[in-house]
Amino acid sequence: MGILHRVLSPAKINLFLKVLRKRDDGYHDIVSVMQPISLYDEILMEMENGSGIIVSCDNANVPCDRTNLAYRAAAEFFRTTGINRKLSITIKKNIPVAAGLGGGSSNAAAVLRALNEITSQNISTGSLIEIGAGIGSDVPLFIVGKSCIARGRGESLEPIELPKFWYILINPGFPVSTQWAYQNLNLTKSNEDINIAILKVSLEDPVGIQQWQRLLANDLEEVTIGKYPEIKEIKDALSAVGATGALMSGSGPTVFGIFPDKDKAEEAFGLLKGAFKQKRYTVFLAQGL
């Protein structure tokens, strides 16, 4: 029996996402406000003598080969440090797959952070972010582990203190490709100036929930709604039960509604679970971290 290590791997939501331009490397420059939330995958890692990385997952839609982001994170950590061990990674998925919630990136970050602790390498957060950025654009956020304003392709992060509001998330049960969403985006609409200072002050105000409603924006939402009108249906349903604001996260298709009050969030959660019972939709209740 080797070293056993269990970690929780949170989802994230994008409260604000503007796509500025396509870069020469094929990625896009963005400005985004991202907040981790209390919806978690569970990861069990076992390291022992030997070599090789084995990934298993309870969701058949998650690849368990070298394309898995947790696998890639472990492989890159071992390559960077020169460590050679046998590592088994077991992922219990609670975060929907290809849902705009960063589940795969979060898994990768959790593996990097855990391996750094297990092996006592004491690699700095900055160096872990560099490793993570090579795996996926959202990985650095989860290494930092708190709400951030993200720039560049997501790797340039400014931590920000956000209120711990409650969120109801609704996932309609189909995946959306991030690559497809960006390829179909009309960038001519996205070049308006963004005042980061005003954005930051407004978001950090715990009583400024009405400000949040005005600031919510996602350039990818129009693209995804164009193909999947269910997203508009979900936004309307969240507004109908009292969400202060509703927005698609990332490239979708998951939509979240904001609730400053826990009791109202729980009441709305019950109503929405009942309303979507006959569909394949999954409804979650989570809090900002």
C-alpha atoms as a PDB file:
ATOM      1  CA  MET A   1       0.000   0.000   0.000  1.00  0.00           C
ATOM      2  CA  GLY A   2       1.356   3.386  -1.010  1.00  0.00           C
ATOM      3  CA  ILE A   3       0.596   6.920   0.116  1.00  0.00           C
ATOM      4  CA  LEU A   4      -3.142   7.663  -0.048  1.00  0.00           C
ATOM      5  CA  HIS A   5      -4.286  11.240  -0.519  1.00  0.00           C
ATOM      6  CA  ARG A   6      -7.868  12.503  -0.930  1.00  0.00           C
ATOM      7  CA  VAL A   7      -8.607  15.978  -2.265  1.00  0.00           C
ATOM      8  CA  LEU A   8     -11.696  17.967  -3.248  1.00  0.00           C
ATOM      9  CA  SER A   9     -11.700  19.666  -6.634  1.00  0.00           C
ATOM     10  CA  PRO A  10     -14.142  22.622  -6.915  1.00  0.00           C
ATOM     11  CA  ALA A  11     -16.044  23.938  -9.926  1.00  0.00           C
ATOM     12  CA  LYS A  12     -15.960  27.603 -10.994  1.00  0.00           C
ATOM     13  CA  ILE A  13     -18.355  30.067 -12.563  1.00  0.00           C
ATOM     14  CA  ASN A  14     -17.636  33.042 -14.819  1.00  0.00           C
ATOM     15  CA  LEU A  15     -19.458  36.103 -13.520  1.00  0.00           C
ATOM     16  CA  PHE A  16     -17.985  38.183 -16.317  1.00  0.00           C
ATOM     17  CA  LEU A  17     -16.368  37.029 -19.565  1.00  0.00           C
ATOM     18  CA  LYS A  18     -15.294  39.289 -22.388  1.00  0.00           C
ATOM     19  CA  VAL A  19     -13.305  37.919 -25.335  1.00  0.00           C
ATOM     20  CA  LEU A  20     -11.012  40.652 -26.649  1.00  0.00           C
ATOM     21  CA  ARG A  21      -9.103  39.216 -29.598  1.00  0.00           C
ATOM     22  CA  LYS A  22      -7.705  36.067 -31.172  1.00  0.00           C
ATOM     23  CA  ARG A  23      -4.004  35.606 -30.536  1.00  0.00           C
ATOM     24  CA  ASP A  24      -1.305  34.383 -32.912  1.00  0.00           C
ATOM     25  CA  ASP A  25      -1.045  31.144 -30.908  1.00  0.00           C
ATOM     26  CA  GLY A  26      -4.696  30.307 -31.601  1.00  0.00           C
ATOM     27  CA  TYR A  27      -5.928  31.173 -28.111  1.00  0.00           C
ATOM     28  CA  HIS A  28      -8.027  34.249 -27.271  1.00  0.00           C
ATOM     29  CA  ASP A  29      -7.242  37.121 -24.930  1.00  0.00           C
ATOM     30  CA  ILE A  30     -10.000  37.470 -22.358  1.00  0.00           C
ATOM     31  CA  VAL A  31     -11.017  39.443 -19.311  1.00  0.00           C
ATOM     32  CA  SER A  32     -13.007  37.308 -16.889  1.00  0.00           C
ATOM     33  CA  VAL A  33     -14.121  37.281 -13.270  1.00  0.00           C
ATOM     34  CA  MET A  34     -14.095  33.708 -11.982  1.00  0.00           C
ATOM     35  CA  GLN A  35     -15.203  32.379  -8.617  1.00  0.00           C
ATOM     36  CA  PRO A  36     -14.705  28.830  -7.288  1.00  0.00           C
ATOM     37  CA  ILE A  37     -17.892  27.332  -5.836  1.00  0.00           C
ATOM     38  CA  SER A  38     -18.803  24.544  -3.424  1.00  0.00           C
ATOM     39  CA  LEU A  39     -19.541  21.911  -6.068  1.00  0.00           C
ATOM     40  CA  TYR A  40     -16.733  19.374  -5.929  1.00  0.00           C
ATOM     41  CA  ASP A  41     -15.244  16.379  -7.666  1.00  0.00           C
ATOM     42  CA  GLU A  42     -13.465  13.974  -5.323  1.00  0.00           C
ATOM     43  CA  ILE A  43      -9.991  12.720  -6.205  1.00  0.00           C
ATOM     44  CA  LEU A  44      -8.206   9.829  -4.519  1.00  0.00           C
ATOM     45  CA  MET A  45      -4.510   9.490  -5.274  1.00  0.00           C
ATOM     46  CA  GLU A  46      -2.260   6.582  -4.350  1.00  0.00           C
ATOM     47  CA  MET A  47       1.485   6.777  -4.936  1.00  0.00           C
ATOM     48  CA  GLU A  48       3.834   3.828  -4.520  1.00  0.00           C
ATOM     49  CA  ASN A  49       7.114   2.451  -5.795  1.00  0.00           C
ATOM     50  CA  GLY A  50       7.211   1.705  -9.488  1.00  0.00           C
ATOM     51  CA  SER A  51       6.276   3.820 -12.490  1.00  0.00           C
ATOM     52  CA  GLY A  52       3.279   4.720 -14.622  1.00  0.00           C
ATOM     53  CA  ILE A  53       0.122   6.791 -14.200  1.00  0.00           C
ATOM     54  CA  ILE A  54      -3.303   5.149 -14.055  1.00  0.00           C
ATOM     55  CA  VAL A  55      -6.504   7.222 -14.158  1.00  0.00           C
ATOM     56  CA  SER A  56      -9.985   5.875 -13.483  1.00  0.00           C
ATOM     57  CA  CYS A  57     -13.286   7.754 -13.352  1.00  0.00           C
ATOM     58  CA  ASP A  58     -16.907   6.894 -12.581  1.00  0.00           C
ATOM     59  CA  ASN A  59     -18.130   8.962 -15.555  1.00  0.00           C
ATOM     60  CA  ALA A  60     -17.855   7.195 -18.914  1.00  0.00           C
ATOM     61  CA  ASN A  61     -17.638  10.555 -20.725  1.00  0.00           C
ATOM     62  CA  VAL A  62     -14.280  11.326 -19.099  1.00  0.00           C
ATOM     63  CA  PRO A  63     -11.234   9.941 -20.948  1.00  0.00           C
ATOM     64  CA  CYS A  64      -8.830   8.024 -18.729  1.00  0.00           C
ATOM     65  CA  ASP A  65      -5.890   8.046 -21.137  1.00  0.00           C
ATOM     66  CA  ARG A  66      -3.082  10.549 -21.675  1.00  0.00           C
ATOM     67  CA  THR A  67      -5.594  13.207 -22.808  1.00  0.00           C
ATOM     68  CA  ASN A  68      -7.115  13.409 -19.313  1.00  0.00           C
ATOM     69  CA  LEU A  69      -6.023  16.706 -17.723  1.00  0.00           C
ATOM     70  CA  ALA A  70      -5.313  15.085 -14.352  1.00  0.00           C
ATOM     71  CA  TYR A  71      -3.080  12.548 -16.119  1.00  0.00           C
ATOM     72  CA  ARG A  72      -1.315  15.358 -17.980  1.00  0.00           C
ATOM     73  CA  ALA A  73      -0.810  17.278 -14.727  1.00  0.00           C
ATOM     74  CA  ALA A  74       0.783  14.268 -13.024  1.00  0.00           C
ATOM     75  CA  ALA A  75       2.991  13.515 -16.021  1.00  0.00           C
ATOM     76  CA  GLU A  76       4.179  17.116 -16.227  1.00  0.00           C
ATOM     77  CA  PHE A  77       4.845  17.254 -12.470  1.00  0.00           C
ATOM     78  CA  PHE A  78       6.969  14.089 -12.643  1.00  0.00           C
ATOM     79  CA  ARG A  79       8.814  15.384 -15.731  1.00  0.00           C
ATOM     80  CA  THR A  80       9.532  18.747 -14.096  1.00  0.00           C
ATOM     81  CA  THR A  81      10.722  17.296 -10.777  1.00  0.00           C
ATOM     82  CA  GLY A  82      12.436  14.172 -12.112  1.00  0.00           C
ATOM     83  CA  ILE A  83      10.372  12.018  -9.745  1.00  0.00           C
ATOM     84  CA  ASN A  84       9.475   8.516 -10.920  1.00  0.00           C
ATOM     85  CA  ARG A  85       6.648   6.800  -9.035  1.00  0.00           C
ATOM     86  CA  LYS A  86       3.586   4.730  -9.752  1.00  0.00           C
ATOM     87  CA  LEU A  87       0.502   6.912  -9.358  1.00  0.00           C
ATOM     88  CA  SER A  88      -3.151   5.886  -9.368  1.00  0.00           C
ATOM     89  CA  ILE A  89      -5.750   8.677  -9.715  1.00  0.00           C
ATOM     90  CA  THR A  90      -9.402   7.878  -9.060  1.00  0.00           C
ATOM     91  CA  ILE A  91     -11.881  10.626  -9.940  1.00  0.00           C
ATOM     92  CA  LYS A  92     -15.447  10.718  -8.642  1.00  0.00           C
ATOM     93  CA  LYS A  93     -17.256  13.226 -10.879  1.00  0.00           C
ATOM     94  CA  ASN A  94     -19.923  15.479  -9.428  1.00  0.00           C
ATOM     95  CA  ILE A  95     -19.173  18.417 -11.740  1.00  0.00           C
ATOM     96  CA  PRO A  96     -20.840  17.941 -15.144  1.00  0.00           C
ATOM     97  CA  VAL A  97     -18.452  17.318 -18.055  1.00  0.00           C
ATOM     98  CA  ALA A  98     -17.905  19.942 -20.812  1.00  0.00           C
ATOM     99  CA  ALA A  99     -20.271  22.198 -18.890  1.00  0.00           C
ATOM    100  CA  GLY A 100     -18.474  25.557 -18.583  1.00  0.00           C
ATOM    101  CA  LEU A 101     -17.558  24.828 -14.946  1.00  0.00           C
ATOM    102  CA  GLY A 102     -13.865  23.960 -15.336  1.00  0.00           C
ATOM    103  CA  GLY A 103     -14.072  20.461 -13.876  1.00  0.00           C
ATOM    104  CA  GLY A 104     -11.183  18.973 -15.839  1.00  0.00           C
ATOM    105  CA  SER A 105      -8.956  21.970 -15.162  1.00  0.00           C
ATOM    106  CA  SER A 106      -9.819  21.797 -11.481  1.00  0.00           C
ATOM    107  CA  ASN A 107      -8.865  18.101 -11.412  1.00  0.00           C
ATOM    108  CA  ALA A 108      -5.496  18.948 -12.970  1.00  0.00           C
ATOM    109  CA  ALA A 109      -4.830  21.713 -10.430  1.00  0.00           C
ATOM    110  CA  ALA A 110      -5.828  19.444  -7.536  1.00  0.00           C
ATOM    111  CA  VAL A 111      -3.362  16.803  -8.718  1.00  0.00           C
ATOM    112  CA  LEU A 112      -0.537  19.349  -9.050  1.00  0.00           C
ATOM    113  CA  ARG A 113      -1.165  20.774  -5.592  1.00  0.00           C
ATOM    114  CA  ALA A 114      -1.493  17.341  -4.005  1.00  0.00           C
ATOM    115  CA  LEU A 115       1.666  15.971  -5.628  1.00  0.00           C
ATOM    116  CA  ASN A 116       3.582  19.045  -4.469  1.00  0.00           C
ATOM    117  CA  GLU A 117       2.469  18.259  -0.912  1.00  0.00           C
ATOM    118  CA  ILE A 118       2.917  14.473  -1.064  1.00  0.00           C
ATOM    119  CA  THR A 119       6.445  14.703  -2.472  1.00  0.00           C
ATOM    120  CA  SER A 120       7.478  17.687  -0.283  1.00  0.00           C
ATOM    121  CA  GLN A 121       8.865  19.490  -3.330  1.00  0.00           C
ATOM    122  CA  ASN A 122       7.716  22.910  -2.054  1.00  0.00           C
ATOM    123  CA  ILE A 123       7.316  24.234  -5.591  1.00  0.00           C
ATOM    124  CA  SER A 124       6.107  27.839  -5.423  1.00  0.00           C
ATOM    125  CA  THR A 125       2.560  28.775  -6.394  1.00  0.00           C
ATOM    126  CA  GLY A 126       3.969  30.807  -9.281  1.00  0.00           C
ATOM    127  CA  SER A 127       5.844  27.796 -10.656  1.00  0.00           C
ATOM    128  CA  LEU A 128       2.787  25.561 -10.268  1.00  0.00           C
ATOM    129  CA  ILE A 129       0.772  28.178 -12.189  1.00  0.00           C
ATOM    130  CA  GLU A 130       3.347  28.024 -15.006  1.00  0.00           C
ATOM    131  CA  ILE A 131       3.034  24.238 -15.155  1.00  0.00           C
ATOM    132  CA  GLY A 132      -0.761  24.462 -15.005  1.00  0.00           C
ATOM    133  CA  ALA A 133      -1.003  27.090 -17.768  1.00  0.00           C
ATOM    134  CA  GLY A 134       0.590  24.614 -20.149  1.00  0.00           C
ATOM    135  CA  ILE A 135      -2.172  22.104 -19.399  1.00  0.00           C
ATOM    136  CA  GLY A 136      -5.265  24.310 -19.635  1.00  0.00           C
ATOM    137  CA  SER A 137      -6.281  27.982 -19.455  1.00  0.00           C
ATOM    138  CA  ASP A 138      -8.408  27.538 -16.301  1.00  0.00           C
ATOM    139  CA  VAL A 139      -5.863  25.453 -14.370  1.00  0.00           C
ATOM    140  CA  PRO A 140      -4.034  28.487 -12.873  1.00  0.00           C
ATOM    141  CA  LEU A 141      -7.276  29.743 -11.271  1.00  0.00           C
ATOM    142  CA  PHE A 142      -7.683  26.516  -9.330  1.00  0.00           C
ATOM    143  CA  ILE A 143      -4.048  26.544  -8.245  1.00  0.00           C
ATOM    144  CA  VAL A 144      -4.572  30.015  -6.772  1.00  0.00           C
ATOM    145  CA  GLY A 145      -7.763  28.614  -5.218  1.00  0.00           C
ATOM    146  CA  LYS A 146      -9.773  31.819  -4.883  1.00  0.00           C
ATOM    147  CA  SER A 147     -11.782  34.302  -6.941  1.00  0.00           C
ATOM    148  CA  CYS A 148      -9.743  36.174  -9.536  1.00  0.00           C
ATOM    149  CA  ILE A 149      -9.881  38.600 -12.399  1.00  0.00           C
ATOM    150  CA  ALA A 150      -8.246  36.664 -15.236  1.00  0.00           C
ATOM    151  CA  ARG A 151      -6.512  38.200 -18.230  1.00  0.00           C
ATOM    152  CA  GLY A 152      -4.433  36.919 -21.128  1.00  0.00           C
ATOM    153  CA  ARG A 153      -5.803  33.496 -21.994  1.00  0.00           C
ATOM    154  CA  GLY A 154      -6.680  33.012 -18.326  1.00  0.00           C
ATOM    155  CA  GLU A 155      -3.233  32.571 -16.816  1.00  0.00           C
ATOM    156  CA  SER A 156      -2.700  36.172 -15.652  1.00  0.00           C
ATOM    157  CA  LEU A 157      -4.606  36.365 -12.373  1.00  0.00           C
ATOM    158  CA  GLU A 158      -5.474  39.110  -9.898  1.00  0.00           C
ATOM    159  CA  PRO A 159      -7.108  37.722  -6.718  1.00  0.00           C
ATOM    160  CA  ILE A 160     -10.321  39.486  -5.716  1.00  0.00           C
ATOM    161  CA  GLU A 161     -12.552  39.188  -2.645  1.00  0.00           C
ATOM    162  CA  LEU A 162     -16.117  38.379  -3.713  1.00  0.00           C
ATOM    163  CA  PRO A 163     -19.201  38.008  -1.503  1.00  0.00           C
ATOM    164  CA  LYS A 164     -20.099  34.383  -0.718  1.00  0.00           C
ATOM    165  CA  PHE A 165     -23.451  34.486  -2.471  1.00  0.00           C
ATOM    166  CA  TRP A 166     -25.496  31.362  -3.147  1.00  0.00           C
ATOM    167  CA  TYR A 167     -25.896  29.984  -6.632  1.00  0.00           C
ATOM    168  CA  ILE A 168     -28.316  27.602  -8.270  1.00  0.00           C
ATOM    169  CA  LEU A 169     -26.715  25.900 -11.252  1.00  0.00           C
ATOM    170  CA  ILE A 170     -28.717  24.103 -13.925  1.00  0.00           C
ATOM    171  CA  ASN A 171     -27.048  21.845 -16.457  1.00  0.00           C
ATOM    172  CA  PRO A 172     -29.215  20.647 -19.359  1.00  0.00           C
ATOM    173  CA  GLY A 173     -27.340  17.390 -19.806  1.00  0.00           C
ATOM    174  CA  PHE A 174     -25.468  17.911 -23.074  1.00  0.00           C
ATOM    175  CA  PRO A 175     -21.835  18.956 -23.577  1.00  0.00           C
ATOM    176  CA  VAL A 176     -20.633  22.110 -25.321  1.00  0.00           C
ATOM    177  CA  SER A 177     -17.181  22.289 -26.880  1.00  0.00           C
ATOM    178  CA  THR A 178     -15.195  25.317 -25.735  1.00  0.00           C
ATOM    179  CA  GLN A 179     -13.306  25.260 -29.022  1.00  0.00           C
ATOM    180  CA  TRP A 180     -16.581  25.330 -30.996  1.00  0.00           C
ATOM    181  CA  ALA A 181     -17.905  28.279 -28.958  1.00  0.00           C
ATOM    182  CA  TYR A 182     -14.789  30.379 -29.560  1.00  0.00           C
ATOM    183  CA  GLN A 183     -14.670  29.480 -33.261  1.00  0.00           C
ATOM    184  CA  ASN A 184     -18.230  30.743 -33.729  1.00  0.00           C
ATOM    185  CA  LEU A 185     -17.816  33.965 -31.751  1.00  0.00           C
ATOM    186  CA  ASN A 186     -18.279  37.294 -33.532  1.00  0.00           C
ATOM    187  CA  LEU A 187     -15.360  39.261 -32.119  1.00  0.00           C
ATOM    188  CA  THR A 188     -16.452  42.577 -33.650  1.00  0.00           C
ATOM    189  CA  LYS A 189     -18.953  42.995 -30.795  1.00  0.00           C
ATOM    190  CA  SER A 190     -16.447  42.479 -28.007  1.00  0.00           C
ATOM    191  CA  ASN A 191     -13.977  45.314 -28.291  1.00  0.00           C
ATOM    192  CA  GLU A 192     -15.616  47.872 -26.004  1.00  0.00           C
ATOM    193  CA  ASP A 193     -13.442  49.259 -23.227  1.00  0.00           C
ATOM    194  CA  ILE A 194     -13.534  47.403 -19.924  1.00  0.00           C
ATOM    195  CA  ASN A 195     -12.792  49.446 -16.814  1.00  0.00           C
ATOM    196  CA  ILE A 196     -11.229  46.844 -14.527  1.00  0.00           C
ATOM    197  CA  ALA A 197     -11.045  49.229 -11.555  1.00  0.00           C
ATOM    198  CA  ILE A 198     -14.799  49.915 -11.637  1.00  0.00           C
ATOM    199  CA  LEU A 199     -15.525  46.227 -12.210  1.00  0.00           C
ATOM    200  CA  LYS A 200     -13.430  45.250  -9.193  1.00  0.00           C
ATOM    201  CA  VAL A 201     -14.929  47.837  -6.822  1.00  0.00           C
ATOM    202  CA  SER A 202     -18.465  46.902  -7.843  1.00  0.00           C
ATOM    203  CA  LEU A 203     -17.953  43.152  -7.433  1.00  0.00           C
ATOM    204  CA  GLU A 204     -16.237  43.439  -4.052  1.00  0.00           C
ATOM    205  CA  ASP A 205     -19.210  45.316  -2.553  1.00  0.00           C
ATOM    206  CA  PRO A 206     -21.196  42.718  -0.538  1.00  0.00           C
ATOM    207  CA  VAL A 207     -24.366  44.839  -0.588  1.00  0.00           C
ATOM    208  CA  GLY A 208     -24.054  45.785  -4.247  1.00  0.00           C
ATOM    209  CA  ILE A 209     -26.022  42.846  -5.626  1.00  0.00           C
ATOM    210  CA  GLN A 210     -27.903  45.131  -8.032  1.00  0.00           C
ATOM    211  CA  GLN A 211     -24.518  46.200  -9.382  1.00  0.00           C
ATOM    212  CA  TRP A 212     -23.714  42.553 -10.017  1.00  0.00           C
ATOM    213  CA  GLN A 213     -26.857  42.177 -12.067  1.00  0.00           C
ATOM    214  CA  ARG A 214     -25.735  44.988 -14.344  1.00  0.00           C
ATOM    215  CA  LEU A 215     -22.181  43.669 -14.611  1.00  0.00           C
ATOM    216  CA  LEU A 216     -23.029  40.067 -15.521  1.00  0.00           C
ATOM    217  CA  ALA A 217     -21.779  39.457 -19.066  1.00  0.00           C
ATOM    218  CA  ASN A 218     -20.608  36.528 -21.168  1.00  0.00           C
ATOM    219  CA  ASP A 219     -19.656  37.017 -24.808  1.00  0.00           C
ATOM    220  CA  LEU A 220     -20.008  33.283 -25.460  1.00  0.00           C
ATOM    221  CA  GLU A 221     -23.623  33.130 -24.268  1.00  0.00           C
ATOM    222  CA  GLU A 222     -25.158  34.443 -27.489  1.00  0.00           C
ATOM    223  CA  VAL A 223     -23.166  31.888 -29.515  1.00  0.00           C
ATOM    224  CA  THR A 224     -24.287  28.939 -27.411  1.00  0.00           C
ATOM    225  CA  ILE A 225     -27.923  30.070 -27.104  1.00  0.00           C
ATOM    226  CA  GLY A 226     -28.029  30.306 -30.898  1.00  0.00           C
ATOM    227  CA  LYS A 227     -27.535  26.545 -31.101  1.00  0.00           C
ATOM    228  CA  TYR A 228     -29.108  25.539 -27.778  1.00  0.00           C
ATOM    229  CA  PRO A 229     -32.231  27.626 -26.971  1.00  0.00           C
ATOM    230  CA  GLU A 230     -32.629  25.577 -23.780  1.00  0.00           C
ATOM    231  CA  ILE A 231     -30.148  27.981 -22.177  1.00  0.00           C
ATOM    232  CA  LYS A 232     -32.579  30.894 -22.577  1.00  0.00           C
ATOM    233  CA  GLU A 233     -35.314  28.699 -21.060  1.00  0.00           C
ATOM    234  CA  ILE A 234     -33.091  28.002 -18.039  1.00  0.00           C
ATOM    235  CA  LYS A 235     -32.234  31.699 -17.571  1.00  0.00           C
ATOM    236  CA  ASP A 236     -35.929  32.568 -17.633  1.00  0.00           C
ATOM    237  CA  ALA A 237     -36.712  29.836 -15.094  1.00  0.00           C
ATOM    238  CA  LEU A 238     -34.063  31.139 -12.695  1.00  0.00           C
ATOM    239  CA  SER A 239     -35.366  34.685 -12.992  1.00  0.00           C
ATOM    240  CA  ALA A 240     -38.917  33.449 -12.378  1.00  0.00           C
ATOM    241  CA  VAL A 241     -37.966  31.973  -8.987  1.00  0.00           C
ATOM    242  CA  GLY A 242     -36.217  35.146  -7.814  1.00  0.00           C
ATOM    243  CA  ALA A 243     -32.599  34.983  -8.988  1.00  0.00           C
ATOM    244  CA  THR A 244     -31.056  38.450  -8.835  1.00  0.00           C
ATOM    245  CA  GLY A 245     -29.202  37.661 -12.049  1.00  0.00           C
ATOM    246  CA  ALA A 246     -28.674  34.648 -14.303  1.00  0.00           C
ATOM    247  CA  LEU A 247     -25.849  33.900 -16.726  1.00  0.00           C
ATOM    248  CA  MET A 248     -24.296  31.043 -18.651  1.00  0.00           C
ATOM    249  CA  SER A 249     -20.882  30.048 -17.266  1.00  0.00           C
ATOM    250  CA  GLY A 250     -17.913  29.806 -19.616  1.00  0.00           C
ATOM    251  CA  SER A 251     -18.811  28.228 -22.957  1.00  0.00           C
ATOM    252  CA  GLY A 252     -21.847  26.614 -21.329  1.00  0.00           C
ATOM    253  CA  PRO A 253     -24.230  25.039 -21.247  1.00  0.00           C
ATOM    254  CA  THR A 254     -24.529  25.372 -17.442  1.00  0.00           C
ATOM    255  CA  VAL A 255     -26.456  28.450 -16.288  1.00  0.00           C
ATOM    256  CA  PHE A 256     -26.264  29.892 -12.765  1.00  0.00           C
ATOM    257  CA  GLY A 257     -28.612  32.158 -10.854  1.00  0.00           C
ATOM    258  CA  ILE A 258     -27.460  34.422  -7.998  1.00  0.00           C
ATOM    259  CA  PHE A 259     -29.206  34.418  -4.607  1.00  0.00           C
ATOM    260  CA  PRO A 260     -27.846  36.632  -1.791  1.00  0.00           C
ATOM    261  CA  ASP A 261     -30.041  34.828   0.771  1.00  0.00           C
ATOM    262  CA  LYS A 262     -29.548  31.133   1.618  1.00  0.00           C
ATOM    263  CA  ASP A 263     -33.192  30.508   2.562  1.00  0.00           C
ATOM    264  CA  LYS A 264     -34.452  31.965  -0.720  1.00  0.00           C
ATOM    265  CA  ALA A 265     -31.846  29.946  -2.616  1.00  0.00           C
ATOM    266  CA  GLU A 266     -32.968  26.714  -0.938  1.00  0.00           C
ATOM    267  CA  GLU A 267     -36.632  27.469  -1.651  1.00  0.00           C
ATOM    268  CA  ALA A 268     -35.881  28.218  -5.312  1.00  0.00           C
ATOM    269  CA  PHE A 269     -33.705  25.084  -5.519  1.00  0.00           C
ATOM    270  CA  GLY A 270     -36.668  22.937  -4.481  1.00  0.00           C
ATOM    271  CA  LEU A 271     -38.958  24.605  -7.012  1.00  0.00           C
ATOM    272  CA  LEU A 272     -36.500  24.179  -9.866  1.00  0.00           C
ATOM    273  CA  LYS A 273     -35.735  20.546  -9.069  1.00  0.00           C
ATOM    274  CA  GLY A 274     -39.461  19.895  -9.327  1.00  0.00           C
ATOM    275  CA  ALA A 275     -39.875  21.952 -12.503  1.00  0.00           C
ATOM    276  CA  PHE A 276     -37.107  20.113 -14.358  1.00  0.00           C
ATOM    277  CA  LYS A 277     -37.778  16.653 -12.935  1.00  0.00           C
ATOM    278  CA  GLN A 278     -39.091  15.306 -16.256  1.00  0.00           C
ATOM    279  CA  LYS A 279     -35.993  16.492 -18.161  1.00  0.00           C
ATOM    280  CA  ARG A 280     -32.388  15.355 -18.062  1.00  0.00           C
ATOM    281  CA  TYR A 281     -31.418  18.607 -16.386  1.00  0.00           C
ATOM    282  CA  THR A 282     -29.330  18.520 -13.204  1.00  0.00           C
ATOM    283  CA  VAL A 283     -29.886  21.213 -10.588  1.00  0.00           C
ATOM    284  CA  PHE A 284     -27.200  22.106  -8.024  1.00  0.00           C
ATOM    285  CA  LEU A 285     -27.094  24.440  -5.034  1.00  0.00           C
ATOM    286  CA  ALA A 286     -23.657  25.859  -4.232  1.00  0.00           C
ATOM    287  CA  GLN A 287     -22.000  28.770  -2.474  1.00  0.00           C
ATOM    288  CA  GLY A 288     -19.167  30.980  -3.672  1.00  0.00           C
ATOM    289  CA  LEU A 289     -15.830  30.154  -2.030  1.00  0.00           C
END
